[in-house]
N, C-alpha and C. Protein backbone atom coordinates (compact mmCIF):
# COMPACT_ATOMS: atom_id res chain seq x y z
N UNK A 1 -98.54 66.58 -11.61
CA UNK A 1 -99.06 65.22 -12.76
C UNK A 1 -100.76 65.91 -12.88
N UNK A 2 -100.60 65.92 -14.74
CA UNK A 2 -101.91 65.77 -15.09
C UNK A 2 -102.83 64.69 -15.32
N UNK A 3 -103.73 64.56 -15.42
CA UNK A 3 -104.89 63.46 -15.10
C UNK A 3 -105.34 63.63 -16.42
N UNK A 4 -106.49 62.48 -16.81
CA UNK A 4 -106.79 62.87 -18.31
C UNK A 4 -107.84 64.17 -18.49
N UNK A 5 -108.83 64.32 -17.17
CA UNK A 5 -110.06 65.75 -17.46
C UNK A 5 -108.90 66.71 -18.19
N UNK A 6 -107.29 66.88 -17.75
CA UNK A 6 -106.67 68.12 -17.77
C UNK A 6 -105.89 68.79 -16.43
N UNK A 7 -107.29 68.76 -15.61
CA UNK A 7 -106.20 68.95 -14.63
C UNK A 7 -105.36 68.82 -13.63
N UNK A 8 -104.66 69.78 -13.24
CA UNK A 8 -103.34 69.29 -11.55
C UNK A 8 -103.64 68.00 -11.17
N UNK A 9 -103.53 67.62 -11.07
CA UNK A 9 -103.31 66.68 -9.20
C UNK A 9 -102.14 67.20 -8.09
N UNK A 10 -102.69 66.42 -7.22
CA UNK A 10 -101.65 66.71 -6.46
C UNK A 10 -100.34 67.26 -6.25
N UNK A 11 -100.08 68.76 -6.00
CA UNK A 11 -98.77 69.19 -6.23
C UNK A 11 -98.32 68.18 -5.11
N UNK A 12 -97.87 67.76 -4.37
CA UNK A 12 -97.47 66.78 -3.90
C UNK A 12 -96.94 65.41 -4.47
N UNK A 13 -97.16 65.14 -5.08
CA UNK A 13 -96.34 63.66 -5.97
C UNK A 13 -95.23 64.00 -6.49
N UNK A 14 -95.05 62.72 -6.64
CA UNK A 14 -93.54 62.51 -7.40
C UNK A 14 -92.47 63.15 -6.75
N UNK A 15 -91.24 63.37 -7.08
CA UNK A 15 -90.14 63.00 -6.49
C UNK A 15 -89.96 64.50 -5.21
N UNK A 16 -89.24 64.58 -3.97
CA UNK A 16 -89.48 65.80 -3.46
C UNK A 16 -87.69 65.52 -3.18
N UNK A 17 -87.48 66.67 -3.56
CA UNK A 17 -85.90 66.24 -3.09
C UNK A 17 -85.41 67.78 -3.13
N UNK A 18 -84.92 67.58 -1.16
CA UNK A 18 -84.75 69.27 -1.35
C UNK A 18 -83.65 70.25 -1.93
N UNK A 19 -82.35 68.96 -2.19
CA UNK A 19 -81.24 69.69 -3.01
C UNK A 19 -82.08 69.87 -4.66
N UNK A 20 -82.97 69.66 -5.30
CA UNK A 20 -83.67 69.77 -6.35
C UNK A 20 -83.95 71.36 -6.40
N UNK A 21 -83.18 72.38 -7.69
CA UNK A 21 -83.64 73.83 -7.62
C UNK A 21 -83.87 74.02 -9.33
N UNK A 22 -84.41 75.34 -8.83
CA UNK A 22 -84.50 75.78 -10.46
C UNK A 22 -84.08 77.13 -10.95
N UNK A 23 -82.75 76.95 -10.39
CA UNK A 23 -82.21 78.29 -10.31
C UNK A 23 -81.15 78.27 -11.18
N UNK A 24 -81.85 79.44 -12.01
CA UNK A 24 -80.55 79.69 -13.15
C UNK A 24 -79.04 79.75 -13.48
N UNK A 25 -78.85 79.72 -11.68
CA UNK A 25 -77.24 79.56 -11.93
C UNK A 25 -76.89 78.35 -12.08
N UNK A 26 -77.89 77.71 -10.76
CA UNK A 26 -77.66 75.94 -10.80
C UNK A 26 -77.81 75.66 -12.30
N UNK A 27 -78.84 75.81 -13.22
CA UNK A 27 -78.59 75.14 -14.53
C UNK A 27 -77.65 76.13 -15.61
N UNK A 28 -77.05 76.53 -14.95
CA UNK A 28 -75.55 77.16 -15.92
C UNK A 28 -74.25 76.37 -15.27
N UNK A 29 -74.17 76.28 -14.30
CA UNK A 29 -73.31 75.33 -13.68
C UNK A 29 -73.77 74.44 -14.21
N UNK A 30 -74.52 73.24 -14.20
CA UNK A 30 -74.82 71.93 -14.78
C UNK A 30 -73.80 72.02 -15.98
N UNK A 31 -74.59 73.11 -17.25
CA UNK A 31 -74.19 73.25 -18.68
C UNK A 31 -72.99 72.91 -18.90
N UNK A 32 -72.40 74.03 -17.92
CA UNK A 32 -71.08 73.72 -17.99
C UNK A 32 -69.98 73.02 -17.89
N UNK A 33 -70.00 72.77 -16.43
CA UNK A 33 -69.57 71.50 -16.12
C UNK A 33 -69.88 70.53 -17.37
N UNK A 34 -70.94 69.60 -17.69
CA UNK A 34 -71.36 68.99 -18.78
C UNK A 34 -70.61 69.37 -19.42
N UNK A 35 -70.84 70.60 -20.89
CA UNK A 35 -70.09 70.93 -21.33
C UNK A 35 -68.46 71.02 -21.50
N UNK A 36 -67.41 71.00 -20.27
CA UNK A 36 -66.88 71.31 -20.20
C UNK A 36 -66.23 69.73 -20.54
N UNK A 37 -67.04 68.60 -18.91
CA UNK A 37 -66.66 67.46 -19.21
C UNK A 37 -66.07 66.37 -20.66
N UNK A 38 -67.49 66.69 -21.44
CA UNK A 38 -67.89 66.56 -23.09
C UNK A 38 -66.50 66.90 -24.00
N UNK A 39 -65.78 67.37 -23.98
CA UNK A 39 -64.86 68.24 -24.46
C UNK A 39 -63.86 68.13 -24.10
N UNK A 40 -63.36 67.87 -22.71
CA UNK A 40 -62.24 66.76 -22.44
C UNK A 40 -62.66 65.58 -23.06
N UNK A 41 -63.65 64.49 -22.56
CA UNK A 41 -63.36 63.72 -23.29
C UNK A 41 -63.46 63.73 -24.57
N UNK A 42 -63.94 64.06 -25.31
CA UNK A 42 -63.69 64.05 -27.11
C UNK A 42 -63.50 65.66 -27.40
N UNK A 43 -62.14 65.66 -27.59
CA UNK A 43 -61.55 66.50 -28.09
C UNK A 43 -61.76 67.01 -29.00
N UNK A 44 -61.91 66.00 -30.35
CA UNK A 44 -62.42 66.37 -32.01
C UNK A 44 -63.82 67.36 -32.15
N UNK A 45 -64.35 67.71 -31.25
CA UNK A 45 -66.20 68.07 -31.00
C UNK A 45 -65.71 69.34 -31.03
N UNK A 46 -64.20 70.21 -30.31
CA UNK A 46 -63.69 71.31 -30.08
C UNK A 46 -63.30 72.25 -31.40
N UNK A 47 -63.48 73.68 -32.14
CA UNK A 47 -62.94 73.26 -32.95
C UNK A 47 -61.30 73.92 -32.97
N UNK A 48 -61.12 73.77 -34.20
CA UNK A 48 -59.44 74.29 -34.82
C UNK A 48 -59.56 75.00 -34.58
N UNK A 49 -58.19 74.94 -33.82
CA UNK A 49 -57.15 76.19 -33.55
C UNK A 49 -56.00 76.27 -33.69
N UNK A 50 -55.45 77.23 -34.20
CA UNK A 50 -54.01 77.10 -34.64
C UNK A 50 -52.78 77.57 -33.56
N UNK A 51 -51.80 76.85 -34.07
CA UNK A 51 -50.90 76.72 -32.73
C UNK A 51 -50.54 78.14 -32.03
N UNK A 52 -49.90 78.86 -32.91
CA UNK A 52 -49.36 80.14 -32.95
C UNK A 52 -50.68 81.34 -32.77
N UNK A 53 -50.79 82.42 -32.03
CA UNK A 53 -52.11 83.35 -31.87
C UNK A 53 -52.89 84.37 -30.69
N UNK A 54 -53.37 84.55 -31.00
CA UNK A 54 -53.93 84.97 -29.68
C UNK A 54 -54.79 83.91 -29.07
N UNK A 55 -54.61 84.42 -27.54
CA UNK A 55 -55.05 83.09 -26.94
C UNK A 55 -56.64 83.24 -26.53
N UNK A 56 -57.29 82.78 -27.07
CA UNK A 56 -58.91 82.60 -26.93
C UNK A 56 -59.44 83.38 -24.57
N UNK A 57 -60.02 84.30 -24.50
CA UNK A 57 -60.28 84.31 -23.03
C UNK A 57 -61.23 83.57 -22.15
N UNK A 58 -61.50 83.07 -23.23
CA UNK A 58 -63.16 81.94 -22.87
C UNK A 58 -63.36 80.96 -23.37
N UNK A 59 -62.57 80.24 -22.74
CA UNK A 59 -62.44 78.31 -23.11
C UNK A 59 -64.41 78.01 -23.94
N UNK A 60 -64.42 76.82 -24.75
CA UNK A 60 -65.58 76.64 -25.84
C UNK A 60 -66.86 76.12 -24.63
N UNK A 61 -66.43 75.85 -23.84
CA UNK A 61 -67.71 75.13 -22.70
C UNK A 61 -67.74 76.56 -21.77
N UNK A 62 -67.01 77.27 -21.50
CA UNK A 62 -68.00 78.86 -21.21
C UNK A 62 -68.88 79.46 -22.04
N UNK A 63 -68.47 79.56 -23.80
CA UNK A 63 -68.70 80.02 -24.27
C UNK A 63 -70.36 79.66 -25.29
N UNK A 64 -70.21 78.29 -25.22
CA UNK A 64 -72.00 77.35 -24.98
C UNK A 64 -72.66 78.14 -23.75
N UNK A 65 -72.37 78.14 -22.74
CA UNK A 65 -72.58 78.01 -22.36
C UNK A 65 -73.21 79.57 -21.71
N UNK A 66 -72.72 80.65 -22.24
CA UNK A 66 -73.10 81.94 -22.11
C UNK A 66 -74.38 81.86 -23.80
N UNK A 67 -73.78 81.41 -25.02
CA UNK A 67 -74.32 81.23 -26.01
C UNK A 67 -75.83 80.47 -25.16
N UNK A 68 -76.06 79.49 -24.28
CA UNK A 68 -77.31 79.04 -24.00
C UNK A 68 -78.44 80.29 -23.51
N UNK A 69 -77.68 80.75 -22.23
CA UNK A 69 -78.10 81.30 -21.04
C UNK A 69 -78.48 82.50 -22.05
N UNK A 70 -78.00 82.96 -23.06
CA UNK A 70 -78.17 84.30 -23.26
C UNK A 70 -79.58 83.81 -24.07
N UNK A 71 -79.46 83.04 -25.28
CA UNK A 71 -80.84 81.83 -25.92
C UNK A 71 -82.48 81.66 -24.47
N UNK A 72 -81.06 81.16 -23.70
CA UNK A 72 -83.10 80.96 -22.64
C UNK A 72 -83.48 82.28 -21.88
N UNK A 73 -82.54 83.06 -21.75
CA UNK A 73 -83.59 84.04 -21.21
C UNK A 73 -83.92 84.88 -22.61
N UNK A 74 -83.90 85.04 -23.30
CA UNK A 74 -84.82 84.85 -24.93
C UNK A 74 -83.78 86.60 -25.61
N UNK A 75 -82.45 86.69 -25.27
CA UNK A 75 -81.84 87.62 -26.04
C UNK A 75 -81.77 87.38 -26.82
N UNK A 76 -82.51 87.85 -28.32
CA UNK A 76 -81.82 87.67 -29.35
C UNK A 76 -81.03 89.08 -30.14
N UNK A 77 -80.62 89.94 -29.25
CA UNK A 77 -79.64 91.54 -29.38
C UNK A 77 -78.67 90.60 -28.42
N UNK A 78 -77.43 91.11 -29.05
CA UNK A 78 -76.09 90.41 -28.19
C UNK A 78 -76.04 91.31 -27.31
N UNK A 79 -76.12 93.38 -27.75
CA UNK A 79 -75.85 94.37 -27.59
C UNK A 79 -76.67 94.06 -26.11
N UNK A 80 -78.10 93.97 -26.32
CA UNK A 80 -78.92 93.97 -24.15
C UNK A 80 -78.16 92.75 -24.22
N UNK A 81 -78.04 91.45 -24.66
CA UNK A 81 -77.52 90.54 -23.07
C UNK A 81 -76.13 91.01 -22.75
N UNK A 82 -75.45 91.48 -23.12
CA UNK A 82 -74.45 92.17 -22.67
C UNK A 82 -74.42 93.20 -21.58
N UNK A 83 -74.78 94.13 -21.69
CA UNK A 83 -75.68 95.17 -21.12
C UNK A 83 -76.39 94.50 -19.49
N UNK A 84 -77.66 93.34 -20.31
CA UNK A 84 -78.20 92.54 -18.74
C UNK A 84 -76.46 91.77 -17.63
N UNK A 85 -75.53 91.82 -19.15
CA UNK A 85 -74.88 90.62 -17.79
C UNK A 85 -73.93 92.12 -17.26
N UNK A 86 -73.36 92.99 -17.61
CA UNK A 86 -73.04 93.65 -16.89
C UNK A 86 -73.94 94.28 -15.65
N UNK A 87 -75.20 94.43 -15.78
CA UNK A 87 -76.39 95.04 -14.66
C UNK A 87 -75.58 94.10 -13.59
N UNK A 88 -75.72 93.37 -13.36
CA UNK A 88 -75.32 92.43 -11.96
C UNK A 88 -74.20 92.08 -12.02
N UNK A 89 -73.13 93.21 -11.72
CA UNK A 89 -71.75 92.05 -10.91
C UNK A 89 -71.63 91.54 -9.95
N UNK A 90 -72.86 91.22 -8.69
CA UNK A 90 -72.51 90.65 -8.23
C UNK A 90 -72.88 89.48 -8.61
N UNK A 91 -73.28 88.68 -9.78
CA UNK A 91 -73.78 87.53 -9.71
C UNK A 91 -72.58 87.58 -11.12
N UNK A 92 -71.80 87.71 -11.14
CA UNK A 92 -70.80 87.74 -11.79
C UNK A 92 -70.11 86.15 -11.60
N UNK A 93 -70.31 85.27 -12.54
CA UNK A 93 -69.55 84.11 -12.25
C UNK A 93 -67.92 84.31 -12.96
N UNK A 94 -67.17 83.62 -12.56
CA UNK A 94 -65.53 83.59 -13.03
C UNK A 94 -65.75 83.15 -14.62
N UNK A 95 -66.88 83.21 -14.47
CA UNK A 95 -65.92 82.07 -16.36
C UNK A 95 -66.58 84.05 -17.56
N UNK A 96 -67.70 84.70 -16.50
CA UNK A 96 -67.99 85.95 -17.39
C UNK A 96 -67.17 87.12 -17.48
N UNK A 97 -66.28 86.91 -18.24
CA UNK A 97 -65.19 88.00 -18.33
C UNK A 97 -65.32 89.21 -18.33
N UNK A 98 -67.02 90.17 -18.10
CA UNK A 98 -67.89 91.05 -18.83
C UNK A 98 -67.42 92.76 -18.14
């Protein structure tokens, strides 16, 4: 908490929850789940797809999650983002076909 003089208050103030984390994987998972649920409830928000043709390899929720993670991590170049994503295969999620 910040007091009126601008200094930080007691570090132990506020909600203390042992389940709250600041892991990037946790944020990505929550974003994916929320987006997936939203698109299932409101299919009119998803882009139009033709009935025939090549089936997409990613769902819309996966694509939104990857785009948000790219922006969150500050990658403005898609090539750099793909190199970063390929560099850590042990952290690859099922939704990342990279």
